[in-house]
Structure formats: structure tokens, C-alpha cells
Amino acid sequence: MTPLTRDVYPRGVPNLLNTSLFGVVGTIGMVLYVASLAVKGYALVDAAVRRADAYPAAGKKSKALWLVILGLGFVWNLVFGGFMSLLDIAGLIGALVYLVDVRPALTQVGGGPRRRGRRNPDEGPTHMGPYGPW
């Protein structure tokens, strides 16, 4: 056996050195899987850190509903893997709707993450670095 055969690699570890058609398709599938998992994870974390009262103020559904939608999509993708099932694609669409529609509306009404420190802009700079304001 040569070192590039499929038997050398443990189960579940992709053979990225395989240049056959199936190796290329598998690599593209893995990249799409990781990208969709990253988008869903980012949307879930962003929705979790937003204030709950900002969702109705922006005219969007509740924070709990968005956390359920994004959480189910993320967990489904993480547990069952893959990229081409109907529920994977539905979870990705939910995450993209959140990122394109809900997140900008929340930012516009001031529903950003809770921050410690001064909230009044008249009190001075709110961004403090290790050597002072920036």
C-alpha cells in the first residue's frame, strides 16, 4: 500500500492529499460544512448576547424564538453533520436571515450587547485600551 491510500487514514479524518474527483468533492463538502457551522455558531452567539427588549423594539420576533431557531440549526449541523440535508439548509437559511435582517435592525435600535462601564457619551470615551482611550 502506498501512503496515499484511504486505508492509511483513520475513520473520519479526511484525505486532503487525494486528488481524485471524490477527494476534491469531499474537500469542498467539508469546507462547506465548516463554513455553515461557523455561520450558524456566529449567529447563535450574536443572538445570545443581544438584549431581549431590543427584539420587539426593532419589530422582530422574540429573542427566545431566534435562540431556538438558531440553536436547533447549530446543534443539528454539529450532531448529524453534513451539509446537504433539508434541515441543514433550513438552519443555514435561518442564520442568514438573522444576520442579514434581524442583526442590523437590532443594531439600529441600540440593541447591542450589554457593555460594562459608562453608557452616556457625554461622560467621555467608552473604549479603553491598555494605555488609555482610543
N, C-alpha and C. Protein backbone atom coordinates (compact mmCIF):
# COMPACT_ATOMS: atom_id res chain seq x y z
N MET A 1 0.83 -1.18 0.00
CA MET A 1 0.00 0.00 0.00
C MET A 1 0.87 1.24 0.00
N THR A 2 0.42 2.22 -0.71
CA THR A 2 1.13 3.50 -0.71
C THR A 2 0.55 4.37 0.39
N PRO A 3 1.28 5.39 0.83
CA PRO A 3 0.79 6.22 1.93
C PRO A 3 -0.45 7.04 1.58
N LEU A 4 -0.79 7.16 0.30
CA LEU A 4 -1.93 7.98 -0.07
C LEU A 4 -3.23 7.20 -0.22
N THR A 5 -3.20 5.92 0.12
CA THR A 5 -4.44 5.15 0.01
C THR A 5 -5.35 5.48 1.18
N ARG A 6 -6.61 5.19 1.02
CA ARG A 6 -7.62 5.55 2.01
C ARG A 6 -7.47 4.74 3.29
N ASP A 7 -6.85 3.56 3.24
CA ASP A 7 -6.74 2.72 4.42
C ASP A 7 -5.77 3.27 5.46
N VAL A 8 -4.88 4.16 5.07
CA VAL A 8 -3.87 4.68 5.98
C VAL A 8 -4.49 5.66 6.97
N TYR A 9 -5.50 6.38 6.55
CA TYR A 9 -6.07 7.43 7.38
C TYR A 9 -7.16 6.86 8.27
N PRO A 10 -7.22 7.30 9.54
CA PRO A 10 -8.26 6.82 10.44
C PRO A 10 -9.64 7.24 9.95
N ARG A 11 -10.63 6.53 10.40
CA ARG A 11 -12.00 6.83 10.00
C ARG A 11 -12.40 8.22 10.50
N GLY A 12 -12.99 9.01 9.62
CA GLY A 12 -13.42 10.35 9.98
C GLY A 12 -12.39 11.43 9.67
N VAL A 13 -11.15 11.04 9.40
CA VAL A 13 -10.13 12.02 9.05
C VAL A 13 -10.06 12.11 7.53
N PRO A 14 -10.27 13.29 6.96
CA PRO A 14 -10.28 13.40 5.50
C PRO A 14 -8.89 13.25 4.91
N ASN A 15 -8.84 12.70 3.74
CA ASN A 15 -7.61 12.57 2.99
C ASN A 15 -7.51 13.76 2.05
N LEU A 16 -6.93 14.85 2.50
CA LEU A 16 -6.85 16.06 1.69
C LEU A 16 -5.82 15.95 0.57
N LEU A 17 -4.95 14.95 0.65
CA LEU A 17 -3.94 14.78 -0.39
C LEU A 17 -4.47 14.01 -1.59
N ASN A 18 -5.64 13.44 -1.48
CA ASN A 18 -6.23 12.69 -2.58
C ASN A 18 -6.74 13.67 -3.63
N THR A 19 -6.24 13.55 -4.84
CA THR A 19 -6.62 14.49 -5.88
C THR A 19 -7.64 13.91 -6.85
N SER A 20 -8.22 12.78 -6.52
CA SER A 20 -9.24 12.23 -7.38
C SER A 20 -10.49 13.09 -7.29
N LEU A 21 -11.46 12.82 -8.14
CA LEU A 21 -12.70 13.59 -8.15
C LEU A 21 -13.41 13.51 -6.82
N PHE A 22 -13.46 12.33 -6.22
CA PHE A 22 -14.14 12.19 -4.94
C PHE A 22 -13.39 12.89 -3.83
N GLY A 23 -12.07 12.96 -3.90
CA GLY A 23 -11.31 13.70 -2.91
C GLY A 23 -11.57 15.19 -2.98
N VAL A 24 -11.68 15.71 -4.19
CA VAL A 24 -11.97 17.14 -4.38
C VAL A 24 -13.38 17.45 -3.91
N VAL A 25 -14.33 16.62 -4.28
CA VAL A 25 -15.72 16.83 -3.87
C VAL A 25 -15.84 16.72 -2.35
N GLY A 26 -15.15 15.77 -1.77
CA GLY A 26 -15.18 15.63 -0.31
C GLY A 26 -14.57 16.83 0.40
N THR A 27 -13.48 17.36 -0.16
CA THR A 27 -12.86 18.53 0.43
C THR A 27 -13.78 19.75 0.33
N ILE A 28 -14.43 19.92 -0.80
CA ILE A 28 -15.38 21.03 -0.96
C ILE A 28 -16.54 20.85 0.01
N GLY A 29 -17.03 19.64 0.16
CA GLY A 29 -18.11 19.37 1.11
C GLY A 29 -17.70 19.69 2.54
N MET A 30 -16.46 19.35 2.90
CA MET A 30 -16.00 19.65 4.25
C MET A 30 -15.87 21.16 4.46
N VAL A 31 -15.38 21.87 3.47
CA VAL A 31 -15.27 23.33 3.58
C VAL A 31 -16.66 23.95 3.74
N LEU A 32 -17.64 23.47 2.97
CA LEU A 32 -19.00 23.98 3.11
C LEU A 32 -19.59 23.65 4.48
N TYR A 33 -19.31 22.47 4.98
CA TYR A 33 -19.79 22.08 6.31
C TYR A 33 -19.22 22.99 7.39
N VAL A 34 -17.92 23.22 7.36
CA VAL A 34 -17.28 24.06 8.38
C VAL A 34 -17.77 25.50 8.26
N ALA A 35 -17.93 25.99 7.03
CA ALA A 35 -18.41 27.36 6.83
C ALA A 35 -19.84 27.51 7.35
N SER A 36 -20.71 26.54 7.06
CA SER A 36 -22.08 26.65 7.54
C SER A 36 -22.14 26.54 9.06
N LEU A 37 -21.30 25.70 9.65
CA LEU A 37 -21.24 25.59 11.10
C LEU A 37 -20.75 26.89 11.72
N ALA A 38 -19.79 27.54 11.10
CA ALA A 38 -19.28 28.82 11.62
C ALA A 38 -20.34 29.91 11.53
N VAL A 39 -21.07 29.98 10.42
CA VAL A 39 -22.12 30.99 10.27
C VAL A 39 -23.21 30.77 11.31
N LYS A 40 -23.62 29.54 11.49
CA LYS A 40 -24.67 29.23 12.47
C LYS A 40 -24.19 29.52 13.89
N GLY A 41 -22.97 29.19 14.19
CA GLY A 41 -22.43 29.45 15.52
C GLY A 41 -22.30 30.94 15.80
N TYR A 42 -21.84 31.70 14.82
CA TYR A 42 -21.72 33.15 14.99
C TYR A 42 -23.09 33.79 15.20
N ALA A 43 -24.07 33.38 14.41
CA ALA A 43 -25.42 33.93 14.57
C ALA A 43 -26.00 33.57 15.93
N LEU A 44 -25.77 32.36 16.40
CA LEU A 44 -26.29 31.93 17.69
C LEU A 44 -25.66 32.74 18.83
N VAL A 45 -24.36 32.91 18.81
CA VAL A 45 -23.68 33.67 19.86
C VAL A 45 -24.12 35.13 19.81
N ASP A 46 -24.24 35.70 18.61
CA ASP A 46 -24.66 37.09 18.48
C ASP A 46 -26.07 37.27 19.02
N ALA A 47 -26.96 36.35 18.71
CA ALA A 47 -28.34 36.45 19.21
C ALA A 47 -28.38 36.30 20.72
N ALA A 48 -27.48 35.51 21.28
CA ALA A 48 -27.48 35.29 22.73
C ALA A 48 -27.01 36.51 23.51
N VAL A 49 -26.12 37.31 22.94
CA VAL A 49 -25.59 38.45 23.68
C VAL A 49 -26.41 39.72 23.48
N ARG A 50 -27.38 39.71 22.59
CA ARG A 50 -28.22 40.90 22.37
C ARG A 50 -29.25 41.02 23.48
N ARG A 51 -29.66 42.25 23.77
CA ARG A 51 -30.67 42.49 24.79
C ARG A 51 -32.03 41.99 24.32
N ALA A 52 -32.80 41.41 25.22
CA ALA A 52 -34.10 40.83 24.88
C ALA A 52 -35.13 41.90 24.51
N ASP A 53 -35.04 43.08 25.11
CA ASP A 53 -36.03 44.12 24.81
C ASP A 53 -35.79 44.79 23.47
N ALA A 54 -34.64 44.56 22.86
CA ALA A 54 -34.36 45.17 21.56
C ALA A 54 -35.09 44.47 20.42
N TYR A 55 -35.41 43.20 20.58
CA TYR A 55 -36.08 42.46 19.51
C TYR A 55 -37.47 43.04 19.22
N PRO A 56 -38.35 43.20 20.23
CA PRO A 56 -39.65 43.80 19.93
C PRO A 56 -39.53 45.27 19.51
N ALA A 57 -38.53 45.99 20.04
CA ALA A 57 -38.35 47.39 19.66
C ALA A 57 -37.96 47.51 18.20
N ALA A 58 -37.30 46.52 17.66
CA ALA A 58 -36.92 46.53 16.24
C ALA A 58 -38.00 45.93 15.36
N GLY A 59 -39.10 45.48 15.96
CA GLY A 59 -40.19 44.89 15.18
C GLY A 59 -39.90 43.48 14.72
N LYS A 60 -39.08 42.76 15.46
CA LYS A 60 -38.71 41.38 15.12
C LYS A 60 -39.31 40.41 16.14
N LYS A 61 -39.21 39.14 15.85
CA LYS A 61 -39.70 38.11 16.78
C LYS A 61 -38.87 38.13 18.05
N SER A 62 -39.30 37.40 19.05
CA SER A 62 -38.65 37.44 20.36
C SER A 62 -37.26 36.81 20.33
N LYS A 63 -36.48 37.16 21.32
CA LYS A 63 -35.13 36.62 21.43
C LYS A 63 -35.17 35.11 21.63
N ALA A 64 -36.14 34.64 22.43
CA ALA A 64 -36.24 33.20 22.69
C ALA A 64 -36.50 32.42 21.40
N LEU A 65 -37.36 32.93 20.54
CA LEU A 65 -37.65 32.24 19.28
C LEU A 65 -36.41 32.18 18.40
N TRP A 66 -35.68 33.29 18.32
CA TRP A 66 -34.46 33.27 17.50
C TRP A 66 -33.40 32.34 18.08
N LEU A 67 -33.31 32.28 19.41
CA LEU A 67 -32.35 31.36 20.01
C LEU A 67 -32.72 29.91 19.75
N VAL A 68 -34.02 29.60 19.75
CA VAL A 68 -34.46 28.24 19.44
C VAL A 68 -34.15 27.90 17.99
N ILE A 69 -34.48 28.79 17.07
CA ILE A 69 -34.24 28.54 15.64
C ILE A 69 -32.75 28.35 15.37
N LEU A 70 -31.95 29.27 15.87
CA LEU A 70 -30.51 29.20 15.60
C LEU A 70 -29.86 28.05 16.36
N GLY A 71 -30.32 27.79 17.58
CA GLY A 71 -29.75 26.68 18.36
C GLY A 71 -30.05 25.33 17.75
N LEU A 72 -31.28 25.14 17.28
CA LEU A 72 -31.61 23.86 16.63
C LEU A 72 -30.80 23.66 15.35
N GLY A 73 -30.66 24.72 14.57
CA GLY A 73 -29.87 24.62 13.34
C GLY A 73 -28.42 24.29 13.63
N PHE A 74 -27.85 24.93 14.66
CA PHE A 74 -26.45 24.68 15.01
C PHE A 74 -26.25 23.27 15.55
N VAL A 75 -27.12 22.85 16.47
CA VAL A 75 -26.98 21.52 17.07
C VAL A 75 -27.21 20.43 16.03
N TRP A 76 -28.19 20.60 15.15
CA TRP A 76 -28.43 19.62 14.10
C TRP A 76 -27.19 19.47 13.22
N ASN A 77 -26.60 20.59 12.84
CA ASN A 77 -25.41 20.55 12.00
C ASN A 77 -24.24 19.92 12.73
N LEU A 78 -24.11 20.21 14.01
CA LEU A 78 -22.99 19.69 14.78
C LEU A 78 -23.13 18.19 15.05
N VAL A 79 -24.34 17.75 15.39
CA VAL A 79 -24.54 16.34 15.76
C VAL A 79 -24.61 15.44 14.54
N PHE A 80 -25.42 15.83 13.55
CA PHE A 80 -25.65 14.96 12.42
C PHE A 80 -24.74 15.26 11.23
N GLY A 81 -24.01 16.35 11.30
CA GLY A 81 -23.04 16.66 10.27
C GLY A 81 -23.66 16.85 8.91
N GLY A 82 -22.82 16.86 7.93
CA GLY A 82 -23.30 17.01 6.57
C GLY A 82 -23.65 18.44 6.25
N PHE A 83 -24.02 18.64 4.99
CA PHE A 83 -24.39 19.98 4.55
C PHE A 83 -25.61 19.95 3.65
N MET A 84 -25.96 18.80 3.15
CA MET A 84 -26.98 18.75 2.12
C MET A 84 -28.35 18.28 2.59
N SER A 85 -28.56 18.07 3.87
CA SER A 85 -29.89 17.67 4.29
C SER A 85 -30.80 18.89 4.34
N LEU A 86 -32.07 18.64 4.31
CA LEU A 86 -33.04 19.73 4.30
C LEU A 86 -32.97 20.56 5.57
N LEU A 87 -32.77 19.91 6.72
CA LEU A 87 -32.71 20.66 7.97
C LEU A 87 -31.41 21.46 8.10
N ASP A 88 -30.32 20.97 7.52
CA ASP A 88 -29.09 21.76 7.49
C ASP A 88 -29.28 23.04 6.70
N ILE A 89 -29.90 22.91 5.55
CA ILE A 89 -30.12 24.08 4.71
C ILE A 89 -31.12 25.03 5.36
N ALA A 90 -32.15 24.50 6.03
CA ALA A 90 -33.11 25.35 6.73
C ALA A 90 -32.43 26.10 7.87
N GLY A 91 -31.54 25.44 8.60
CA GLY A 91 -30.79 26.12 9.66
C GLY A 91 -29.88 27.20 9.13
N LEU A 92 -29.26 26.95 7.98
CA LEU A 92 -28.40 27.95 7.36
C LEU A 92 -29.22 29.15 6.89
N ILE A 93 -30.39 28.89 6.33
CA ILE A 93 -31.26 29.99 5.89
C ILE A 93 -31.70 30.81 7.11
N GLY A 94 -32.04 30.15 8.21
CA GLY A 94 -32.41 30.86 9.43
C GLY A 94 -31.27 31.74 9.94
N ALA A 95 -30.05 31.22 9.92
CA ALA A 95 -28.90 32.00 10.37
C ALA A 95 -28.65 33.18 9.44
N LEU A 96 -28.78 32.97 8.14
CA LEU A 96 -28.57 34.07 7.20
C LEU A 96 -29.65 35.13 7.32
N VAL A 97 -30.89 34.73 7.56
CA VAL A 97 -31.97 35.71 7.77
C VAL A 97 -31.67 36.52 9.02
N TYR A 98 -31.21 35.86 10.06
CA TYR A 98 -30.87 36.60 11.29
C TYR A 98 -29.75 37.61 11.00
N LEU A 99 -28.69 37.16 10.33
CA LEU A 99 -27.55 38.04 10.11
C LEU A 99 -27.85 39.18 9.15
N VAL A 100 -28.71 38.95 8.16
CA VAL A 100 -28.98 39.97 7.15
C VAL A 100 -30.13 40.89 7.54
N ASP A 101 -31.11 40.38 8.26
CA ASP A 101 -32.30 41.18 8.55
C ASP A 101 -32.40 41.59 10.02
N VAL A 102 -32.28 40.65 10.92
CA VAL A 102 -32.54 40.93 12.34
C VAL A 102 -31.37 41.68 12.98
N ARG A 103 -30.16 41.23 12.74
CA ARG A 103 -28.99 41.84 13.38
C ARG A 103 -28.85 43.32 13.05
N PRO A 104 -28.96 43.74 11.78
CA PRO A 104 -28.88 45.19 11.51
C PRO A 104 -30.00 45.99 12.17
N ALA A 105 -31.20 45.41 12.24
CA ALA A 105 -32.31 46.11 12.89
C ALA A 105 -32.04 46.26 14.39
N LEU A 106 -31.47 45.24 15.01
CA LEU A 106 -31.13 45.33 16.43
C LEU A 106 -30.04 46.36 16.67
N THR A 107 -29.08 46.41 15.80
CA THR A 107 -28.01 47.39 15.93
C THR A 107 -28.55 48.81 15.76
N GLN A 108 -29.50 48.98 14.87
CA GLN A 108 -30.06 50.30 14.61
C GLN A 108 -30.85 50.84 15.80
N VAL A 109 -31.56 49.98 16.52
CA VAL A 109 -32.32 50.43 17.68
C VAL A 109 -31.47 50.44 18.95
N GLY A 110 -30.22 50.11 18.84
CA GLY A 110 -29.34 50.13 20.00
C GLY A 110 -29.41 48.88 20.83
N GLY A 111 -29.70 47.78 20.21
CA GLY A 111 -29.81 46.53 20.94
C GLY A 111 -28.54 45.74 20.93
N GLY A 112 -27.41 46.42 21.01
CA GLY A 112 -26.13 45.72 21.01
C GLY A 112 -25.91 44.95 22.30
N PRO A 113 -24.80 44.28 22.39
CA PRO A 113 -24.51 43.53 23.60
C PRO A 113 -24.38 44.46 24.80
N ARG A 114 -24.66 43.93 25.96
CA ARG A 114 -24.53 44.73 27.18
C ARG A 114 -23.06 44.98 27.44
N ARG A 115 -22.76 46.23 27.74
CA ARG A 115 -21.37 46.59 28.00
C ARG A 115 -21.26 47.17 29.39
N ARG A 116 -20.14 46.92 29.99
CA ARG A 116 -19.89 47.49 31.31
C ARG A 116 -19.28 48.88 31.15
N GLY A 117 -19.40 49.66 32.17
CA GLY A 117 -18.76 50.96 32.14
C GLY A 117 -19.75 52.06 31.80
N ARG A 118 -19.23 53.16 31.30
CA ARG A 118 -20.05 54.33 31.02
C ARG A 118 -20.95 54.11 29.82
N ARG A 119 -22.21 54.54 29.93
CA ARG A 119 -23.16 54.40 28.84
C ARG A 119 -23.48 55.75 28.21
N ASN A 120 -23.21 56.85 28.93
CA ASN A 120 -23.52 58.18 28.44
C ASN A 120 -22.35 58.69 27.61
N PRO A 121 -22.56 59.08 26.34
CA PRO A 121 -21.44 59.55 25.53
C PRO A 121 -20.84 60.86 26.03
N ASP A 122 -21.59 61.62 26.85
CA ASP A 122 -21.07 62.87 27.37
C ASP A 122 -20.04 62.65 28.48
N GLU A 123 -19.96 61.44 28.99
CA GLU A 123 -19.03 61.16 30.08
C GLU A 123 -17.61 60.94 29.60
N GLY A 124 -17.39 60.91 28.32
CA GLY A 124 -16.04 60.71 27.81
C GLY A 124 -15.97 59.45 26.97
N PRO A 125 -14.75 59.07 26.59
CA PRO A 125 -14.59 57.90 25.72
C PRO A 125 -15.03 56.62 26.42
N THR A 126 -15.70 55.76 25.67
CA THR A 126 -16.16 54.50 26.23
C THR A 126 -15.23 53.34 25.92
N HIS A 127 -14.31 53.52 24.99
CA HIS A 127 -13.39 52.45 24.61
C HIS A 127 -12.05 52.70 25.29
N MET A 128 -11.73 51.84 26.21
CA MET A 128 -10.48 51.98 26.93
C MET A 128 -9.54 50.87 26.54
N GLY A 129 -8.38 51.25 26.09
CA GLY A 129 -7.34 50.29 25.77
C GLY A 129 -6.39 50.14 26.94
N PRO A 130 -5.32 49.40 26.78
CA PRO A 130 -4.40 49.20 27.89
C PRO A 130 -3.63 50.47 28.25
N TYR A 131 -3.57 51.47 27.32
CA TYR A 131 -2.83 52.69 27.58
C TYR A 131 -3.74 53.92 27.60
N GLY A 132 -5.07 53.70 27.66
CA GLY A 132 -5.98 54.83 27.71
C GLY A 132 -7.05 54.70 26.64
N PRO A 133 -7.82 55.79 26.44
CA PRO A 133 -8.92 55.73 25.48
C PRO A 133 -8.42 55.66 24.05
N TRP A 134 -9.26 55.06 23.21
CA TRP A 134 -8.96 55.01 21.78
C TRP A 134 -10.20 55.24 21.00
